[in-house]
Amino acid sequence: MNKIIIALAVIMIAGLGVYFINKSPTKVVNPPESQNTTATTTPIAKEENPSESIIGKSVENRDIIAYHYGTGETELLFIGGIHGGYSWNTALVAFELMDYLKASPNIIPKNIKVTVIPVLNPDGLNKVVGTAGRFTPSDVPSPISATVAGRFNANTVDLNRNFDCDWKASGTWQSKTVSGGSRAFSEPETRAIKSYVELNKPDAVVTWYSAAGGVYASECGKGISAETRAITKEFADTSGYPAFDDFDFYEVTGDMVNWFAKNNIPAISVLLTNHTDTEWTKNQKGIQALLKYYVK
């Protein structure tokens, strides 16, 4: 009898052991934090914010801001809004370039940094549209005569007559006489560009103006450099704008782009066709051509 009880006890203990073994939890091994557990076939594009630098102040103490995209050693500089609210579409096309670079950061080759100064004359822009920053065409009054005062800075100087290339105190704009300032670089806005260029030494410069519809090479008494001629052709051929060696509609003294040439910096003026359109598709093609031209 005792043997039967002992046998039954052994069977019960063995059964409980099997039960508890089967009920023990399974150990879950978590993947390393660095392991990507989501399968993707293509990278997801993401927006990247540019770095910013205040390169100077306007007469009325507004910031002149440069926005930087990419980290390469070759710097391409794009400038809009030198004639403020009169040529407001030159600021808008610069803002469109900024939107393009933010949405498509991979368009910039690794060896290139793109710098955009969308508004070189913030006081003149503010005089017309009520802001020195982002705006829309609906903010601009009409007719075009209402924007003329915005061409100049708050000292009523035409900034594109204030640079040290054939500078004169009295400049010409169409059939009008305009102020070139008391001396070359008398204005804080032009001194801001001068300081930036001397410190950073960009490899090429594109400046937007309006309105004549073309790509114009730069020079200051030494003829057009081979590099300036090359980028003039690149931008013109791909954008569809005609290319010109010089702007000869009337005498231009103290011109910014020609001052770049004086300092051996390849530079072109892109003149939009009118005072209202940014012609972004054409300019985008020209910009892409320059990025390709300077890739290493």
Protein backbone atom coordinates (compact mmCIF):
# COMPACT_ATOMS: atom_id res chain seq x y z
CA MET A 1 0.00 0.00 0.00
CA ASN A 2 2.80 2.40 0.93
CA LYS A 3 4.53 1.60 -2.36
CA ILE A 4 1.38 2.58 -4.32
CA ILE A 5 1.09 5.93 -2.46
CA ILE A 6 4.76 6.70 -3.09
CA ALA A 7 4.37 5.88 -6.81
CA LEU A 8 1.33 8.16 -7.12
CA ALA A 9 3.23 10.99 -5.42
CA VAL A 10 6.16 10.65 -7.84
CA ILE A 11 3.78 10.79 -10.83
CA MET A 12 2.07 13.93 -9.49
CA ILE A 13 5.37 15.74 -8.86
CA ALA A 14 6.63 14.90 -12.36
CA GLY A 15 3.42 16.19 -13.91
CA LEU A 16 3.62 19.50 -12.07
CA GLY A 17 7.21 19.94 -13.24
CA VAL A 18 6.21 19.51 -16.88
CA TYR A 19 3.32 21.98 -16.38
CA PHE A 20 5.55 24.72 -14.97
CA ILE A 21 8.21 24.21 -17.62
CA ASN A 22 5.62 24.69 -20.38
CA LYS A 23 4.20 27.83 -18.71
CA SER A 24 7.58 29.63 -18.31
CA PRO A 25 7.71 32.91 -20.25
CA THR A 26 9.65 33.12 -23.50
CA LYS A 27 12.53 35.60 -23.36
CA VAL A 28 12.15 38.46 -25.89
CA VAL A 29 15.40 39.85 -27.28
CA ASN A 30 15.03 43.49 -28.26
CA PRO A 31 16.93 44.62 -31.36
CA PRO A 32 19.79 47.05 -30.83
CA GLU A 33 18.72 50.70 -30.86
CA SER A 34 20.81 51.28 -33.95
CA GLN A 35 18.95 48.60 -35.90
CA ASN A 36 16.32 49.90 -38.30
CA THR A 37 13.31 47.60 -38.00
CA THR A 38 11.29 49.41 -40.69
CA ALA A 39 12.06 48.32 -44.22
CA THR A 40 12.31 51.15 -46.74
CA THR A 41 13.29 51.04 -50.39
CA THR A 42 14.08 54.75 -50.90
CA PRO A 43 15.18 57.47 -48.49
CA ILE A 44 12.52 59.97 -47.47
CA ALA A 45 13.43 63.52 -48.42
CA LYS A 46 13.35 65.97 -45.56
CA GLU A 47 13.57 69.72 -45.34
CA GLU A 48 16.74 71.22 -43.96
CA ASN A 49 16.92 74.69 -42.43
CA PRO A 50 19.77 76.91 -43.59
CA SER A 51 22.20 78.64 -41.31
CA GLU A 52 21.82 82.41 -41.16
CA SER A 53 24.21 85.30 -40.69
CA ILE A 54 23.48 89.00 -40.35
CA ILE A 55 26.04 90.65 -42.60
CA GLY A 56 25.08 94.24 -41.80
CA LYS A 57 22.34 96.77 -41.08
CA SER A 58 20.47 99.16 -43.33
CA VAL A 59 20.22 102.92 -42.80
CA GLU A 60 17.02 102.33 -40.80
CA ASN A 61 18.70 99.54 -38.81
CA ARG A 62 17.07 96.58 -40.55
CA ASP A 63 19.03 93.34 -40.77
CA ILE A 64 20.66 92.31 -44.03
CA ILE A 65 20.60 88.52 -43.83
CA ALA A 66 22.57 85.87 -45.67
CA TYR A 67 21.23 82.31 -45.76
CA HIS A 68 23.70 79.46 -46.26
CA TYR A 69 22.96 76.03 -47.76
CA GLY A 70 25.52 73.26 -47.94
CA THR A 71 28.98 73.16 -46.42
CA GLY A 72 31.34 72.91 -49.37
CA GLU A 73 34.42 75.07 -49.90
CA THR A 74 33.20 76.49 -53.22
CA GLU A 75 30.72 79.29 -52.51
CA LEU A 76 28.13 80.52 -55.00
CA LEU A 77 26.52 83.80 -53.91
CA PHE A 78 23.07 84.90 -55.11
CA ILE A 79 21.79 88.43 -54.40
CA GLY A 80 18.33 89.92 -54.81
CA GLY A 81 16.57 93.12 -53.87
CA ILE A 82 19.34 95.68 -54.41
CA HIS A 83 16.68 98.01 -55.77
CA GLY A 84 14.26 97.21 -52.98
CA GLY A 85 10.57 97.66 -53.67
CA TYR A 86 11.05 98.97 -57.18
CA SER A 87 12.48 95.63 -58.37
CA TRP A 88 10.59 93.56 -55.80
CA ASN A 89 10.47 90.52 -58.11
CA THR A 90 14.25 90.17 -57.73
CA ALA A 91 13.72 89.56 -54.01
CA LEU A 92 10.91 87.10 -54.72
CA VAL A 93 13.01 85.00 -57.09
CA ALA A 94 15.71 84.83 -54.39
CA PHE A 95 13.09 83.62 -51.89
CA GLU A 96 11.98 81.02 -54.45
CA LEU A 97 15.59 79.83 -54.68
CA MET A 98 15.65 79.48 -50.88
CA ASP A 99 12.44 77.41 -50.94
CA TYR A 100 13.93 75.19 -53.64
CA LEU A 101 17.15 74.57 -51.72
CA LYS A 102 15.27 73.87 -48.50
CA ALA A 103 12.97 71.34 -50.16
CA SER A 104 15.74 69.73 -52.23
CA PRO A 105 18.97 69.90 -50.18
CA ASN A 106 20.51 67.05 -52.18
CA ILE A 107 20.63 69.29 -55.25
CA ILE A 108 23.72 70.99 -53.79
CA PRO A 109 26.95 69.08 -54.56
CA LYS A 110 29.13 68.23 -51.57
CA ASN A 111 31.88 70.65 -52.56
CA ILE A 112 29.51 73.65 -52.85
CA LYS A 113 27.94 76.10 -50.43
CA VAL A 114 25.13 78.30 -51.73
CA THR A 115 24.60 81.66 -50.04
CA VAL A 116 21.46 83.69 -50.74
CA ILE A 117 21.02 87.34 -49.75
CA PRO A 118 17.42 87.89 -50.81
CA VAL A 119 17.06 91.55 -49.82
CA LEU A 120 20.10 93.81 -50.01
CA ASN A 121 17.96 96.96 -49.71
CA PRO A 122 15.51 96.19 -46.88
CA ASP A 123 14.49 99.82 -46.34
CA GLY A 124 13.55 100.22 -49.99
CA LEU A 125 11.54 97.00 -49.96
CA ASN A 126 9.77 97.93 -46.74
CA LYS A 127 8.81 101.31 -48.20
CA VAL A 128 6.78 99.58 -50.91
CA VAL A 129 5.45 96.30 -49.45
CA GLY A 130 5.51 97.08 -45.72
CA THR A 131 8.09 94.45 -44.77
CA ALA A 132 11.74 93.67 -45.32
CA GLY A 133 11.03 89.94 -45.28
CA ARG A 134 8.69 87.53 -47.03
CA PHE A 135 5.82 89.05 -48.99
CA THR A 136 3.51 88.21 -51.88
CA PRO A 137 2.75 90.06 -55.13
CA SER A 138 -0.60 91.08 -53.63
CA ASP A 139 1.35 93.24 -51.13
CA VAL A 140 2.75 95.37 -53.95
CA PRO A 141 0.89 98.56 -54.95
CA SER A 142 0.30 99.44 -58.58
CA PRO A 143 1.06 101.09 -60.97
CA ILE A 144 4.85 100.73 -61.26
CA SER A 145 5.28 104.46 -60.57
CA ALA A 146 4.13 103.79 -57.01
CA THR A 147 7.23 101.68 -56.40
CA VAL A 148 9.90 104.06 -57.74
CA ALA A 149 10.77 105.51 -54.32
CA GLY A 150 11.58 102.01 -53.12
CA ARG A 151 14.48 101.77 -55.57
CA PHE A 152 16.70 103.79 -53.25
CA ASN A 153 17.83 103.28 -49.69
CA ALA A 154 16.70 105.53 -46.84
CA ASN A 155 19.42 108.04 -47.78
CA THR A 156 17.90 108.18 -51.31
CA VAL A 157 21.06 106.63 -52.74
CA ASP A 158 20.88 104.15 -55.61
CA LEU A 159 22.90 101.31 -54.10
CA ASN A 160 23.89 100.02 -57.54
CA ARG A 161 25.73 103.31 -58.11
CA ASN A 162 27.66 103.16 -54.82
CA PHE A 163 30.35 100.55 -55.55
CA ASP A 164 33.99 101.17 -56.37
CA CYS A 165 34.01 100.62 -60.11
CA ASP A 166 33.90 103.85 -62.14
CA TRP A 167 32.08 105.45 -59.19
CA LYS A 168 30.52 108.92 -59.56
CA ALA A 169 28.56 110.96 -57.05
CA SER A 170 25.85 111.52 -59.66
CA GLY A 171 24.77 108.42 -61.53
CA THR A 172 22.30 107.74 -64.31
CA TRP A 173 19.17 105.63 -64.26
CA GLN A 174 17.35 105.63 -67.59
CA SER A 175 17.06 109.38 -68.31
CA LYS A 176 17.20 110.40 -64.64
CA THR A 177 20.08 111.54 -62.46
CA VAL A 178 20.39 109.54 -59.24
CA SER A 179 22.66 109.75 -56.23
CA GLY A 180 25.71 107.50 -56.11
CA GLY A 181 26.38 108.55 -52.51
CA SER A 182 29.03 110.86 -51.10
CA ARG A 183 31.76 108.35 -51.95
CA ALA A 184 32.08 104.71 -52.94
CA PHE A 185 30.72 102.51 -50.14
CA SER A 186 29.25 105.47 -48.29
CA GLU A 187 26.11 103.39 -47.54
CA PRO A 188 25.83 100.68 -44.86
CA GLU A 189 24.18 98.27 -47.28
CA THR A 190 27.05 98.37 -49.77
CA ARG A 191 29.62 98.18 -46.98
CA ALA A 192 27.85 95.03 -45.74
CA ILE A 193 28.41 93.31 -49.10
CA LYS A 194 31.96 94.60 -49.31
CA SER A 195 32.82 93.16 -45.89
CA TYR A 196 31.13 89.84 -46.64
CA VAL A 197 32.92 89.41 -49.95
CA GLU A 198 36.32 90.39 -48.59
CA LEU A 199 35.94 87.96 -45.69
CA ASN A 200 34.40 84.99 -47.54
CA LYS A 201 35.73 85.40 -51.09
CA PRO A 202 32.88 83.70 -52.98
CA ASP A 203 33.83 81.81 -56.12
CA ALA A 204 31.01 83.21 -58.28
CA VAL A 205 28.14 85.67 -57.90
CA VAL A 206 24.71 85.99 -59.51
CA THR A 207 22.73 89.19 -58.93
CA TRP A 208 19.13 89.68 -60.04
CA TYR A 209 17.84 92.96 -61.48
CA SER A 210 14.80 93.98 -63.50
CA ALA A 211 13.87 94.56 -66.18
CA ALA A 212 15.56 93.87 -69.53
CA GLY A 213 15.51 90.09 -69.97
CA GLY A 214 19.06 88.82 -70.29
CA VAL A 215 22.26 87.57 -68.70
CA TYR A 216 25.00 90.20 -68.59
CA ALA A 217 28.70 89.59 -68.02
CA SER A 218 30.73 91.82 -65.72
CA GLU A 219 34.01 93.68 -66.10
CA CYS A 220 35.73 96.76 -64.71
CA GLY A 221 38.28 98.08 -67.15
CA LYS A 222 40.13 94.80 -67.62
CA GLY A 223 37.79 93.02 -70.01
CA ILE A 224 35.55 90.03 -69.33
CA SER A 225 37.37 87.18 -67.60
CA ALA A 226 37.25 83.70 -69.11
CA GLU A 227 35.41 82.37 -66.06
CA THR A 228 32.78 85.14 -66.20
CA ARG A 229 32.26 84.49 -69.87
CA ALA A 230 31.86 80.78 -69.17
CA ILE A 231 29.19 81.18 -66.45
CA THR A 232 27.39 83.79 -68.53
CA LYS A 233 27.08 81.22 -71.30
CA GLU A 234 26.10 78.41 -68.91
CA PHE A 235 23.28 80.39 -67.32
CA ALA A 236 22.05 81.87 -70.61
CA ASP A 237 22.12 78.64 -72.62
CA THR A 238 20.13 76.65 -70.07
CA SER A 239 17.72 79.37 -68.96
CA GLY A 240 16.83 80.65 -72.41
CA TYR A 241 17.80 84.25 -71.65
CA PRO A 242 20.01 85.93 -74.25
CA ALA A 243 23.61 86.63 -73.22
CA PHE A 244 25.28 90.03 -73.45
CA ASP A 245 28.82 91.26 -72.88
CA ASP A 246 27.68 94.49 -71.28
CA PHE A 247 24.69 96.64 -70.35
CA ASP A 248 24.78 99.53 -72.82
CA PHE A 249 21.32 101.07 -72.59
CA TYR A 250 22.80 104.00 -70.62
CA GLU A 251 25.93 104.66 -68.58
CA VAL A 252 26.10 102.74 -65.30
CA THR A 253 28.67 103.85 -62.75
CA GLY A 254 29.42 102.32 -59.36
CA ASP A 255 27.85 98.99 -60.38
CA MET A 256 27.99 96.13 -57.86
CA VAL A 257 28.56 93.28 -60.32
CA ASN A 258 31.35 95.16 -62.07
CA TRP A 259 32.96 95.73 -58.66
CA PHE A 260 33.00 91.95 -58.21
CA ALA A 261 34.86 91.72 -61.52
CA LYS A 262 37.34 94.36 -60.32
CA ASN A 263 38.08 92.01 -57.43
CA ASN A 264 38.55 89.03 -59.78
CA ILE A 265 35.29 87.34 -58.79
CA PRO A 266 33.29 85.90 -61.71
CA ALA A 267 29.89 87.58 -61.61
CA ILE A 268 26.81 87.95 -63.79
CA SER A 269 23.69 90.09 -63.76
CA VAL A 270 20.45 88.26 -64.51
CA LEU A 271 17.87 90.82 -65.57
CA LEU A 272 14.29 89.58 -65.31
CA THR A 273 12.11 90.43 -68.29
CA ASN A 274 9.66 92.69 -66.44
CA HIS A 275 8.96 94.08 -62.96
CA THR A 276 6.37 91.52 -61.88
CA ASP A 277 7.40 87.98 -62.88
CA THR A 278 10.11 85.90 -61.24
CA GLU A 279 10.48 83.57 -64.24
CA TRP A 280 11.41 80.85 -61.80
CA THR A 281 11.51 77.98 -64.30
CA LYS A 282 14.12 79.77 -66.40
CA ASN A 283 16.17 80.79 -63.37
CA GLN A 284 15.98 77.32 -61.84
CA LYS A 285 17.56 75.88 -64.99
CA GLY A 286 20.31 78.48 -64.90
CA ILE A 287 21.01 77.79 -61.22
CA GLN A 288 21.16 74.05 -61.82
CA ALA A 289 23.62 74.64 -64.65
CA LEU A 290 25.93 76.61 -62.36
CA LEU A 291 25.76 73.95 -59.65
CA LYS A 292 26.74 71.38 -62.25
CA TYR A 293 29.47 73.62 -63.63
CA TYR A 294 31.15 74.01 -60.23
CA VAL A 295 30.80 70.41 -59.05
CA LYS A 296 34.05 68.55 -58.44
